[in-house]
Amino acid sequence: MLDILFELLAKRKATAAYFAEKHRISTRTVYRYIDVLSMCVPVYVKQGRDGGICISDSFKLPVG
């Protein structure tokens, strides 16, 4: 789950299929992880042609 968060912080957007293939998990598991992450991180799923799993542009990890 943390790998997905860190990758979203770097890229700002990726697809569930990309995460599923990279981490060798199902897309359903990816969506479950995103659901858990969205409780404390501004992560959302955008549907459609230009869709994917996105993180708010203004979000940064707290320091300290």
PDB file of N, CA and C in Angstrom:
ATOM      1  N   MET A   1       0.821  -1.184   0.000  1.00  0.00           N
ATOM      2  CA  MET A   1       0.000   0.000   0.000  1.00  0.00           C
ATOM      3  C   MET A   1       0.873   1.259   0.000  1.00  0.00           C
ATOM      4  N   LEU A   2       1.946   1.222   0.772  1.00  0.00           N
ATOM      5  CA  LEU A   2       2.841   2.378   0.808  1.00  0.00           C
ATOM      6  C   LEU A   2       3.552   2.583  -0.527  1.00  0.00           C
ATOM      7  N   ASP A   3       3.897   1.496  -1.209  1.00  0.00           N
ATOM      8  CA  ASP A   3       4.513   1.623  -2.537  1.00  0.00           C
ATOM      9  C   ASP A   3       3.576   2.356  -3.491  1.00  0.00           C
ATOM     10  N   ILE A   4       2.295   2.049  -3.420  1.00  0.00           N
ATOM     11  CA  ILE A   4       1.304   2.723  -4.270  1.00  0.00           C
ATOM     12  C   ILE A   4       1.261   4.208  -3.913  1.00  0.00           C
ATOM     13  N   LEU A   5       1.241   4.533  -2.625  1.00  0.00           N
ATOM     14  CA  LEU A   5       1.217   5.930  -2.194  1.00  0.00           C
ATOM     15  C   LEU A   5       2.451   6.678  -2.687  1.00  0.00           C
ATOM     16  N   PHE A   6       3.623   6.105  -2.490  1.00  0.00           N
ATOM     17  CA  PHE A   6       4.852   6.791  -2.913  1.00  0.00           C
ATOM     18  C   PHE A   6       4.909   6.971  -4.426  1.00  0.00           C
ATOM     19  N   GLU A   7       4.423   5.984  -5.156  1.00  0.00           N
ATOM     20  CA  GLU A   7       4.417   6.118  -6.609  1.00  0.00           C
ATOM     21  C   GLU A   7       3.417   7.188  -7.060  1.00  0.00           C
ATOM     22  N   LEU A   8       2.282   7.267  -6.385  1.00  0.00           N
ATOM     23  CA  LEU A   8       1.322   8.327  -6.702  1.00  0.00           C
ATOM     24  C   LEU A   8       1.891   9.704  -6.377  1.00  0.00           C
ATOM     25  N   LEU A   9       2.651   9.799  -5.308  1.00  0.00           N
ATOM     26  CA  LEU A   9       3.286  11.083  -4.982  1.00  0.00           C
ATOM     27  C   LEU A   9       4.267  11.497  -6.071  1.00  0.00           C
ATOM     28  N   ALA A  10       4.930  10.541  -6.672  1.00  0.00           N
ATOM     29  CA  ALA A  10       5.907  10.846  -7.725  1.00  0.00           C
ATOM     30  C   ALA A  10       5.229  11.127  -9.067  1.00  0.00           C
ATOM     31  N   LYS A  11       4.252  10.302  -9.439  1.00  0.00           N
ATOM     32  CA  LYS A  11       3.636  10.411 -10.762  1.00  0.00           C
ATOM     33  C   LYS A  11       2.358  11.239 -10.787  1.00  0.00           C
ATOM     34  N   ARG A  12       1.641  11.296  -9.663  1.00  0.00           N
ATOM     35  CA  ARG A  12       0.361  11.989  -9.505  1.00  0.00           C
ATOM     36  C   ARG A  12      -0.821  11.272 -10.132  1.00  0.00           C
ATOM     37  N   LYS A  13      -0.588  10.317 -11.044  1.00  0.00           N
ATOM     38  CA  LYS A  13      -1.701   9.553 -11.620  1.00  0.00           C
ATOM     39  C   LYS A  13      -1.177   8.266 -12.245  1.00  0.00           C
ATOM     40  N   ALA A  14      -1.934   7.179 -12.056  1.00  0.00           N
ATOM     41  CA  ALA A  14      -1.610   5.894 -12.670  1.00  0.00           C
ATOM     42  C   ALA A  14      -2.897   5.072 -12.700  1.00  0.00           C
ATOM     43  N   THR A  15      -2.884   3.994 -13.456  1.00  0.00           N
ATOM     44  CA  THR A  15      -4.081   3.157 -13.552  1.00  0.00           C
ATOM     45  C   THR A  15      -4.011   1.996 -12.562  1.00  0.00           C
ATOM     46  N   ALA A  16      -5.175   1.447 -12.255  1.00  0.00           N
ATOM     47  CA  ALA A  16      -5.239   0.285 -11.368  1.00  0.00           C
ATOM     48  C   ALA A  16      -4.555  -0.902 -12.027  1.00  0.00           C
ATOM     49  N   ALA A  17      -4.706  -1.037 -13.332  1.00  0.00           N
ATOM     50  CA  ALA A  17      -4.060  -2.137 -14.046  1.00  0.00           C
ATOM     51  C   ALA A  17      -2.534  -2.044 -13.935  1.00  0.00           C
ATOM     52  N   TYR A  18      -2.008  -0.832 -13.995  1.00  0.00           N
ATOM     53  CA  TYR A  18      -0.556  -0.633 -13.848  1.00  0.00           C
ATOM     54  C   TYR A  18      -0.088  -1.117 -12.474  1.00  0.00           C
ATOM     55  N   PHE A  19      -0.779  -0.688 -11.406  1.00  0.00           N
ATOM     56  CA  PHE A  19      -0.399  -1.101 -10.058  1.00  0.00           C
ATOM     57  C   PHE A  19      -0.567  -2.604  -9.868  1.00  0.00           C
ATOM     58  N   ALA A  20      -1.630  -3.163 -10.424  1.00  0.00           N
ATOM     59  CA  ALA A  20      -1.882  -4.600 -10.283  1.00  0.00           C
ATOM     60  C   ALA A  20      -0.760  -5.407 -10.926  1.00  0.00           C
ATOM     61  N   GLU A  21      -0.360  -5.003 -12.115  1.00  0.00           N
ATOM     62  CA  GLU A  21       0.700  -5.731 -12.811  1.00  0.00           C
ATOM     63  C   GLU A  21       2.044  -5.546 -12.103  1.00  0.00           C
ATOM     64  N   LYS A  22       2.341  -4.330 -11.690  1.00  0.00           N
ATOM     65  CA  LYS A  22       3.632  -4.052 -11.067  1.00  0.00           C
ATOM     66  C   LYS A  22       3.800  -4.784  -9.734  1.00  0.00           C
ATOM     67  N   HIS A  23       2.733  -4.843  -8.941  1.00  0.00           N
ATOM     68  CA  HIS A  23       2.823  -5.452  -7.611  1.00  0.00           C
ATOM     69  C   HIS A  23       2.270  -6.868  -7.561  1.00  0.00           C
ATOM     70  N   ARG A  24       1.888  -7.382  -8.732  1.00  0.00           N
ATOM     71  CA  ARG A  24       1.370  -8.753  -8.850  1.00  0.00           C
ATOM     72  C   ARG A  24       0.199  -9.012  -7.910  1.00  0.00           C
ATOM     73  N   ILE A  25      -0.768  -8.095  -7.956  1.00  0.00           N
ATOM     74  CA  ILE A  25      -2.005  -8.224  -7.198  1.00  0.00           C
ATOM     75  C   ILE A  25      -3.166  -7.988  -8.154  1.00  0.00           C
ATOM     76  N   SER A  26      -4.370  -8.253  -7.714  1.00  0.00           N
ATOM     77  CA  SER A  26      -5.534  -8.038  -8.579  1.00  0.00           C
ATOM     78  C   SER A  26      -5.931  -6.565  -8.571  1.00  0.00           C
ATOM     79  N   THR A  27      -6.661  -6.152  -9.597  1.00  0.00           N
ATOM     80  CA  THR A  27      -7.147  -4.771  -9.629  1.00  0.00           C
ATOM     81  C   THR A  27      -8.126  -4.526  -8.486  1.00  0.00           C
ATOM     82  N   ARG A  28      -8.856  -5.559  -8.093  1.00  0.00           N
ATOM     83  CA  ARG A  28      -9.771  -5.432  -6.961  1.00  0.00           C
ATOM     84  C   ARG A  28      -8.998  -5.084  -5.684  1.00  0.00           C
ATOM     85  N   THR A  29      -7.849  -5.715  -5.483  1.00  0.00           N
ATOM     86  CA  THR A  29      -7.009  -5.409  -4.326  1.00  0.00           C
ATOM     87  C   THR A  29      -6.490  -3.979  -4.402  1.00  0.00           C
ATOM     88  N   VAL A  30      -6.121  -3.537  -5.592  1.00  0.00           N
ATOM     89  CA  VAL A  30      -5.662  -2.154  -5.764  1.00  0.00           C
ATOM     90  C   VAL A  30      -6.758  -1.198  -5.313  1.00  0.00           C
ATOM     91  N   TYR A  31      -7.988  -1.432  -5.752  1.00  0.00           N
ATOM     92  CA  TYR A  31      -9.087  -0.550  -5.367  1.00  0.00           C
ATOM     93  C   TYR A  31      -9.361  -0.603  -3.867  1.00  0.00           C
ATOM     94  N   ARG A  32      -9.174  -1.758  -3.248  1.00  0.00           N
ATOM     95  CA  ARG A  32      -9.316  -1.850  -1.788  1.00  0.00           C
ATOM     96  C   ARG A  32      -8.243  -1.020  -1.093  1.00  0.00           C
ATOM     97  N   TYR A  33      -7.022  -1.104  -1.576  1.00  0.00           N
ATOM     98  CA  TYR A  33      -5.937  -0.301  -1.006  1.00  0.00           C
ATOM     99  C   TYR A  33      -6.220   1.190  -1.164  1.00  0.00           C
ATOM    100  N   ILE A  34      -6.707   1.583  -2.326  1.00  0.00           N
ATOM    101  CA  ILE A  34      -7.029   2.992  -2.576  1.00  0.00           C
ATOM    102  C   ILE A  34      -8.134   3.450  -1.632  1.00  0.00           C
ATOM    103  N   ASP A  35      -9.113   2.589  -1.390  1.00  0.00           N
ATOM    104  CA  ASP A  35     -10.196   2.917  -0.467  1.00  0.00           C
ATOM    105  C   ASP A  35      -9.647   3.182   0.933  1.00  0.00           C
ATOM    106  N   VAL A  36      -8.705   2.363   1.377  1.00  0.00           N
ATOM    107  CA  VAL A  36      -8.097   2.554   2.696  1.00  0.00           C
ATOM    108  C   VAL A  36      -7.253   3.828   2.711  1.00  0.00           C
ATOM    109  N   LEU A  37      -6.445   4.035   1.678  1.00  0.00           N
ATOM    110  CA  LEU A  37      -5.600   5.235   1.607  1.00  0.00           C
ATOM    111  C   LEU A  37      -6.432   6.512   1.599  1.00  0.00           C
ATOM    112  N   SER A  38      -7.597   6.467   0.955  1.00  0.00           N
ATOM    113  CA  SER A  38      -8.419   7.669   0.816  1.00  0.00           C
ATOM    114  C   SER A  38      -8.978   8.155   2.153  1.00  0.00           C
ATOM    115  N   MET A  39      -8.871   7.340   3.195  1.00  0.00           N
ATOM    116  CA  MET A  39      -9.336   7.760   4.520  1.00  0.00           C
ATOM    117  C   MET A  39      -8.428   8.821   5.139  1.00  0.00           C
ATOM    118  N   CYS A  40      -7.168   8.863   4.715  1.00  0.00           N
ATOM    119  CA  CYS A  40      -6.248   9.843   5.304  1.00  0.00           C
ATOM    120  C   CYS A  40      -5.399  10.589   4.270  1.00  0.00           C
ATOM    121  N   VAL A  41      -5.533  10.237   3.007  1.00  0.00           N
ATOM    122  CA  VAL A  41      -4.776  10.880   1.932  1.00  0.00           C
ATOM    123  C   VAL A  41      -5.769  11.243   0.829  1.00  0.00           C
ATOM    124  N   PRO A  42      -5.652  12.432   0.236  1.00  0.00           N
ATOM    125  CA  PRO A  42      -6.600  12.818  -0.813  1.00  0.00           C
ATOM    126  C   PRO A  42      -6.362  12.071  -2.140  1.00  0.00           C
ATOM    127  N   VAL A  43      -6.727  10.797  -2.134  1.00  0.00           N
ATOM    128  CA  VAL A  43      -6.590   9.932  -3.305  1.00  0.00           C
ATOM    129  C   VAL A  43      -7.990   9.671  -3.842  1.00  0.00           C
ATOM    130  N   TYR A  44      -8.149   9.714  -5.158  1.00  0.00           N
ATOM    131  CA  TYR A  44      -9.456   9.459  -5.747  1.00  0.00           C
ATOM    132  C   TYR A  44      -9.298   8.751  -7.082  1.00  0.00           C
ATOM    133  N   VAL A  45     -10.398   8.158  -7.531  1.00  0.00           N
ATOM    134  CA  VAL A  45     -10.412   7.447  -8.807  1.00  0.00           C
ATOM    135  C   VAL A  45     -11.216   8.273  -9.793  1.00  0.00           C
ATOM    136  N   LYS A  46     -10.610   8.538 -10.936  1.00  0.00           N
ATOM    137  CA  LYS A  46     -11.256   9.302 -11.999  1.00  0.00           C
ATOM    138  C   LYS A  46     -11.551   8.329 -13.138  1.00  0.00           C
ATOM    139  N   GLN A  47     -12.804   8.218 -13.519  1.00  0.00           N
ATOM    140  CA  GLN A  47     -13.187   7.283 -14.568  1.00  0.00           C
ATOM    141  C   GLN A  47     -13.164   7.961 -15.932  1.00  0.00           C
ATOM    142  N   GLY A  48     -13.136   7.141 -16.956  1.00  0.00           N
ATOM    143  CA  GLY A  48     -13.177   7.658 -18.315  1.00  0.00           C
ATOM    144  C   GLY A  48     -11.861   7.498 -19.034  1.00  0.00           C
ATOM    145  N   ARG A  49     -11.821   8.058 -20.222  1.00  0.00           N
ATOM    146  CA  ARG A  49     -10.639   7.900 -21.080  1.00  0.00           C
ATOM    147  C   ARG A  49      -9.365   8.462 -20.456  1.00  0.00           C
ATOM    148  N   ASP A  50      -9.476   9.592 -19.806  1.00  0.00           N
ATOM    149  CA  ASP A  50      -8.312  10.222 -19.174  1.00  0.00           C
ATOM    150  C   ASP A  50      -8.274   9.907 -17.678  1.00  0.00           C
ATOM    151  N   GLY A  51      -8.851   8.793 -17.288  1.00  0.00           N
ATOM    152  CA  GLY A  51      -8.985   8.455 -15.878  1.00  0.00           C
ATOM    153  C   GLY A  51      -7.788   7.743 -15.305  1.00  0.00           C
ATOM    154  N   GLY A  52      -7.945   7.383 -14.061  1.00  0.00           N
ATOM    155  CA  GLY A  52      -6.911   6.663 -13.340  1.00  0.00           C
ATOM    156  C   GLY A  52      -7.037   6.941 -11.864  1.00  0.00           C
ATOM    157  N   ILE A  53      -6.072   6.509 -11.116  1.00  0.00           N
ATOM    158  CA  ILE A  53      -6.019   6.774  -9.687  1.00  0.00           C
ATOM    159  C   ILE A  53      -5.151   8.009  -9.520  1.00  0.00           C
ATOM    160  N   CYS A  54      -5.703   9.022  -8.879  1.00  0.00           N
ATOM    161  CA  CYS A  54      -5.030  10.314  -8.777  1.00  0.00           C
ATOM    162  C   CYS A  54      -4.850  10.711  -7.320  1.00  0.00           C
ATOM    163  N   ILE A  55      -3.893  11.589  -7.098  1.00  0.00           N
ATOM    164  CA  ILE A  55      -3.685  12.174  -5.780  1.00  0.00           C
ATOM    165  C   ILE A  55      -3.706  13.681  -5.962  1.00  0.00           C
ATOM    166  N   SER A  56      -4.244  14.379  -4.998  1.00  0.00           N
ATOM    167  CA  SER A  56      -4.354  15.830  -5.077  1.00  0.00           C
ATOM    168  C   SER A  56      -2.984  16.465  -5.326  1.00  0.00           C
ATOM    169  N   ASP A  57      -2.947  17.451  -6.224  1.00  0.00           N
ATOM    170  CA  ASP A  57      -1.691  18.116  -6.545  1.00  0.00           C
ATOM    171  C   ASP A  57      -1.113  18.869  -5.348  1.00  0.00           C
ATOM    172  N   SER A  58      -1.962  19.269  -4.430  1.00  0.00           N
ATOM    173  CA  SER A  58      -1.473  20.061  -3.295  1.00  0.00           C
ATOM    174  C   SER A  58      -1.007  19.188  -2.131  1.00  0.00           C
ATOM    175  N   PHE A  59      -1.202  17.864  -2.206  1.00  0.00           N
ATOM    176  CA  PHE A  59      -0.828  16.995  -1.083  1.00  0.00           C
ATOM    177  C   PHE A  59       0.672  16.757  -1.032  1.00  0.00           C
ATOM    178  N   LYS A  60       1.232  16.920   0.147  1.00  0.00           N
ATOM    179  CA  LYS A  60       2.631  16.586   0.420  1.00  0.00           C
ATOM    180  C   LYS A  60       2.649  15.824   1.741  1.00  0.00           C
ATOM    181  N   LEU A  61       3.602  14.918   1.894  1.00  0.00           N
ATOM    182  CA  LEU A  61       3.732  14.201   3.150  1.00  0.00           C
ATOM    183  C   LEU A  61       4.164  15.162   4.255  1.00  0.00           C
ATOM    184  N   PRO A  62       3.541  15.061   5.430  1.00  0.00           N
ATOM    185  CA  PRO A  62       3.957  15.925   6.530  1.00  0.00           C
ATOM    186  C   PRO A  62       5.386  15.604   6.985  1.00  0.00           C
ATOM    187  N   VAL A  63       6.124  16.609   7.330  1.00  0.00           N
ATOM    188  CA  VAL A  63       7.509  16.444   7.785  1.00  0.00           C
ATOM    189  C   VAL A  63       7.529  16.621   9.298  1.00  0.00           C
ATOM    190  N   GLY A  64       8.210  15.719   9.960  1.00  0.00           N
ATOM    191  CA  GLY A  64       8.403  15.866  11.404  1.00  0.00           C
ATOM    192  C   GLY A  64       7.500  15.050  12.150  1.00  0.00           C
TER     193      GLY A  64
END
